[in-house]
Amino acid sequence: MKIPSLVRVPKYRRFNFEPRHYDPIKEDLKNRTELIEQQLKNQSSDSATKHRISEAFIRDKYRTGGKVNILQLALVFILSATFVGFLYIGFYAFFITGVIILLYVLFQLGTFKGITEMLNRKEEPEEETTAAKKIAAGQMREGQYFYRERTISKKGNYKLLLLVAATAVAAGYYLFALNGIMCLLLIFVLLIMFVKESSKG
């Protein structure tokens, strides 16, 4: 029911109440049809790229879900095995689990690969001749190649020393029941080995 008025009010200032019914299925259908029409017409490549990126994220989410589930199962298995080991052998189960986790981290960091490369390191004449060619061509200064190799090996040795010392101390102290003096002696031997290796590099 309209209330009569003597003054004419503009349309945008009038109070017009039009009831609306929101249908989510209809709205979704409308959005999908608009998206399909836009893809068919290829109106804008940017929106298509955004849509492909969002689809790739969704696919990657479902693809990596299996890896997450495997890691969760492995974590549950490790924790339950640690608990069962604690019931049978006591606190040594926690130390064994810690050493296993530390070894896994070392494998993931590629430390054992670095150890094998360091033990099997030989002079490579091909690389030296390549460096000599670059020095002759003026692309590299003399000594730059060898200095770079030496600094890389020293950085790797620092990381290697830290990880090997942590593994040796944990394994020696907890698994073989060595006392603190033996652990310090082991770290001292590792330091001597590291200094010798650094002086070689």
Protein backbone atom coordinates (compact mmCIF):
# COMPACT_ATOMS: atom_id res chain seq x y z
CA MET A 1 0.00 0.00 0.00
CA LYS A 2 1.42 3.31 -1.11
CA ILE A 3 1.10 6.36 1.11
CA PRO A 4 -0.01 9.38 -0.90
CA SER A 5 2.39 12.29 -0.89
CA LEU A 6 2.18 15.84 -2.13
CA VAL A 7 5.88 16.03 -2.94
CA ARG A 8 7.23 13.87 -5.73
CA VAL A 9 10.24 11.88 -4.45
CA PRO A 10 12.89 10.69 -6.91
CA LYS A 11 12.93 6.98 -7.64
CA TYR A 12 16.31 6.33 -6.04
CA ARG A 13 15.05 7.85 -2.76
CA ARG A 14 11.84 5.90 -2.67
CA PHE A 15 11.44 2.90 -0.45
CA ASN A 16 10.81 -0.02 -2.77
CA PHE A 17 10.89 -3.42 -1.15
CA GLU A 18 11.18 -6.29 -3.60
CA PRO A 19 11.45 -9.68 -1.87
CA ARG A 20 14.14 -11.96 -3.29
CA HIS A 21 14.66 -15.68 -2.95
CA TYR A 22 18.26 -16.93 -2.98
CA ASP A 23 18.74 -20.29 -4.63
CA PRO A 24 22.34 -21.55 -4.18
CA ILE A 25 21.97 -24.27 -6.83
CA LYS A 26 20.71 -21.77 -9.37
CA GLU A 27 23.51 -19.37 -8.47
CA ASP A 28 26.14 -22.10 -8.85
CA LEU A 29 24.65 -23.18 -12.18
CA LYS A 30 24.68 -19.59 -13.39
CA ASN A 31 28.33 -19.14 -12.38
CA ARG A 32 29.35 -22.36 -14.12
CA THR A 33 27.55 -21.49 -17.33
CA GLU A 34 29.19 -18.07 -17.33
CA LEU A 35 32.59 -19.67 -16.79
CA ILE A 36 32.04 -22.17 -19.62
CA GLU A 37 30.89 -19.42 -21.97
CA GLN A 38 33.91 -17.34 -21.07
CA GLN A 39 36.24 -20.27 -21.76
CA LEU A 40 34.60 -20.98 -25.09
CA LYS A 41 34.80 -17.39 -26.23
CA ASN A 42 38.35 -16.95 -24.95
CA GLN A 43 37.58 -13.39 -24.06
CA SER A 44 40.43 -12.89 -21.65
CA SER A 45 43.52 -15.05 -21.35
CA ASP A 46 44.22 -13.78 -17.82
CA SER A 47 41.07 -15.26 -16.35
CA ALA A 48 41.75 -18.57 -18.11
CA THR A 49 45.28 -18.56 -16.67
CA LYS A 50 43.93 -17.89 -13.19
CA HIS A 51 41.44 -20.70 -13.60
CA ARG A 52 44.18 -23.10 -14.72
CA ILE A 53 46.37 -22.07 -11.78
CA SER A 54 43.52 -22.66 -9.33
CA GLU A 55 42.83 -26.06 -10.91
CA ALA A 56 46.52 -26.94 -10.64
CA PHE A 57 46.49 -26.06 -6.95
CA ILE A 58 43.43 -28.23 -6.42
CA ARG A 59 45.02 -31.16 -8.29
CA ASP A 60 48.26 -30.75 -6.34
CA LYS A 61 46.30 -30.74 -3.10
CA TYR A 62 44.73 -34.08 -3.94
CA ARG A 63 48.02 -35.43 -5.29
CA THR A 64 50.03 -34.59 -2.16
CA GLY A 65 47.33 -35.94 0.13
CA GLY A 66 48.70 -39.46 -0.31
CA LYS A 67 52.20 -38.42 0.72
CA VAL A 68 50.87 -36.73 3.83
CA ASN A 69 48.92 -39.86 4.73
CA ILE A 70 52.03 -42.02 4.30
CA LEU A 71 54.05 -39.69 6.52
CA GLN A 72 51.30 -39.73 9.14
CA LEU A 73 51.23 -43.54 9.09
CA ALA A 74 55.02 -43.67 9.40
CA LEU A 75 54.93 -41.26 12.33
CA VAL A 76 52.23 -43.30 14.10
CA PHE A 77 54.23 -46.50 13.47
CA ILE A 78 57.44 -44.95 14.86
CA LEU A 79 55.68 -43.66 17.97
CA SER A 80 53.92 -46.95 18.64
CA ALA A 81 57.15 -48.92 18.05
CA THR A 82 58.94 -46.59 20.47
CA PHE A 83 56.26 -47.18 23.09
CA VAL A 84 56.42 -50.96 22.67
CA GLY A 85 60.23 -50.81 22.78
CA PHE A 86 60.02 -48.75 25.97
CA LEU A 87 57.92 -51.50 27.56
CA TYR A 88 60.49 -54.15 26.61
CA ILE A 89 63.91 -52.49 26.86
CA GLY A 90 63.23 -49.28 28.78
CA PHE A 91 64.61 -45.82 28.05
CA TYR A 92 66.99 -47.13 25.39
CA ALA A 93 64.02 -47.24 22.99
CA PHE A 94 63.83 -43.43 23.00
CA PHE A 95 67.55 -43.13 22.26
CA ILE A 96 67.37 -45.68 19.44
CA THR A 97 64.43 -43.79 17.94
CA GLY A 98 66.38 -40.54 18.18
CA VAL A 99 69.37 -42.06 16.39
CA ILE A 100 67.10 -43.48 13.65
CA ILE A 101 65.45 -40.08 13.15
CA LEU A 102 68.88 -38.40 13.07
CA LEU A 103 70.10 -40.88 10.44
CA TYR A 104 66.96 -40.20 8.38
CA VAL A 105 67.65 -36.46 8.54
CA LEU A 106 71.25 -37.08 7.49
CA PHE A 107 70.09 -39.08 4.48
CA GLN A 108 67.62 -36.35 3.53
CA LEU A 109 70.32 -33.68 3.77
CA GLY A 110 72.59 -35.75 1.55
CA THR A 111 75.35 -35.89 4.13
CA PHE A 112 76.28 -39.50 3.45
CA LYS A 113 76.57 -38.65 -0.22
CA GLY A 114 78.97 -35.88 0.77
CA ILE A 115 80.95 -38.35 2.91
CA THR A 116 81.35 -40.80 0.03
CA GLU A 117 82.32 -37.99 -2.32
CA MET A 118 84.86 -36.70 0.21
CA LEU A 119 86.36 -40.17 0.70
CA ASN A 120 86.51 -40.88 -3.04
CA ARG A 121 87.67 -37.39 -4.00
CA LYS A 122 90.35 -37.46 -6.68
CA GLU A 123 92.02 -34.94 -8.88
CA GLU A 124 89.93 -34.35 -11.97
CA PRO A 125 92.11 -33.22 -14.87
CA GLU A 126 89.09 -32.40 -17.03
CA GLU A 127 87.90 -29.72 -14.60
CA GLU A 128 91.41 -28.36 -14.20
CA THR A 129 91.87 -28.11 -17.96
CA THR A 130 88.51 -26.36 -18.21
CA ALA A 131 89.62 -23.91 -15.53
CA ALA A 132 92.95 -23.42 -17.35
CA LYS A 133 91.09 -22.66 -20.58
CA LYS A 134 88.91 -20.11 -18.79
CA ILE A 135 91.97 -18.49 -17.22
CA ALA A 136 93.66 -18.32 -20.63
CA ALA A 137 90.52 -16.82 -22.19
CA GLY A 138 90.32 -14.23 -19.42
CA GLN A 139 86.94 -15.45 -18.12
CA MET A 140 88.39 -16.50 -14.75
CA ARG A 141 91.20 -15.18 -12.60
CA GLU A 142 94.02 -17.46 -11.60
CA GLY A 143 93.28 -19.25 -8.31
CA GLN A 144 89.57 -18.39 -8.38
CA TYR A 145 88.48 -21.94 -9.28
CA PHE A 146 90.58 -23.61 -6.58
CA TYR A 147 89.57 -21.03 -3.95
CA ARG A 148 85.92 -21.67 -4.72
CA GLU A 149 86.36 -25.44 -4.42
CA ARG A 150 88.22 -25.03 -1.11
CA THR A 151 85.55 -22.81 0.46
CA ILE A 152 82.76 -25.17 -0.63
CA SER A 153 84.56 -28.17 0.87
CA LYS A 154 85.15 -26.29 4.14
CA LYS A 155 81.47 -25.36 4.44
CA GLY A 156 80.54 -28.98 3.81
CA ASN A 157 83.07 -30.08 6.42
CA TYR A 158 81.57 -27.80 9.07
CA LYS A 159 78.12 -29.27 8.52
CA LEU A 160 79.57 -32.75 8.34
CA LEU A 161 81.47 -32.31 11.60
CA LEU A 162 78.38 -31.12 13.44
CA LEU A 163 76.19 -33.97 12.24
CA VAL A 164 78.80 -36.70 12.70
CA ALA A 165 79.65 -35.46 16.20
CA ALA A 166 75.99 -35.40 17.22
CA THR A 167 75.44 -38.90 15.85
CA ALA A 168 78.59 -40.31 17.44
CA VAL A 169 77.93 -38.75 20.83
CA ALA A 170 74.30 -39.89 20.89
CA ALA A 171 75.14 -43.41 19.75
CA GLY A 172 78.22 -43.77 21.94
CA TYR A 173 76.77 -42.29 25.10
CA TYR A 174 73.36 -43.93 25.04
CA LEU A 175 73.81 -47.16 23.11
CA PHE A 176 77.29 -48.16 24.25
CA ALA A 177 77.04 -46.58 27.73
CA LEU A 178 80.21 -44.51 27.39
CA ASN A 179 80.87 -41.89 30.01
CA GLY A 180 81.32 -38.16 29.40
CA ILE A 181 85.13 -38.35 29.15
CA MET A 182 84.91 -40.87 26.33
CA CYS A 183 82.43 -38.62 24.51
CA LEU A 184 84.78 -35.64 24.85
CA LEU A 185 87.64 -37.80 23.57
CA LEU A 186 85.51 -38.84 20.59
CA ILE A 187 84.70 -35.20 19.79
CA PHE A 188 88.42 -34.33 20.10
CA VAL A 189 89.33 -37.08 17.60
CA LEU A 190 86.67 -35.79 15.22
CA LEU A 191 88.06 -32.26 15.54
CA ILE A 192 91.57 -33.51 14.70
CA MET A 193 90.21 -35.33 11.65
CA PHE A 194 88.37 -32.17 10.59
CA VAL A 195 91.49 -30.00 10.94
CA LYS A 196 93.50 -32.46 8.84
CA GLU A 197 90.79 -32.54 6.17
CA SER A 198 90.60 -28.74 6.11
CA SER A 199 94.37 -28.41 5.76
CA LYS A 200 94.25 -30.79 2.78
CA GLY A 201 91.44 -28.79 1.10
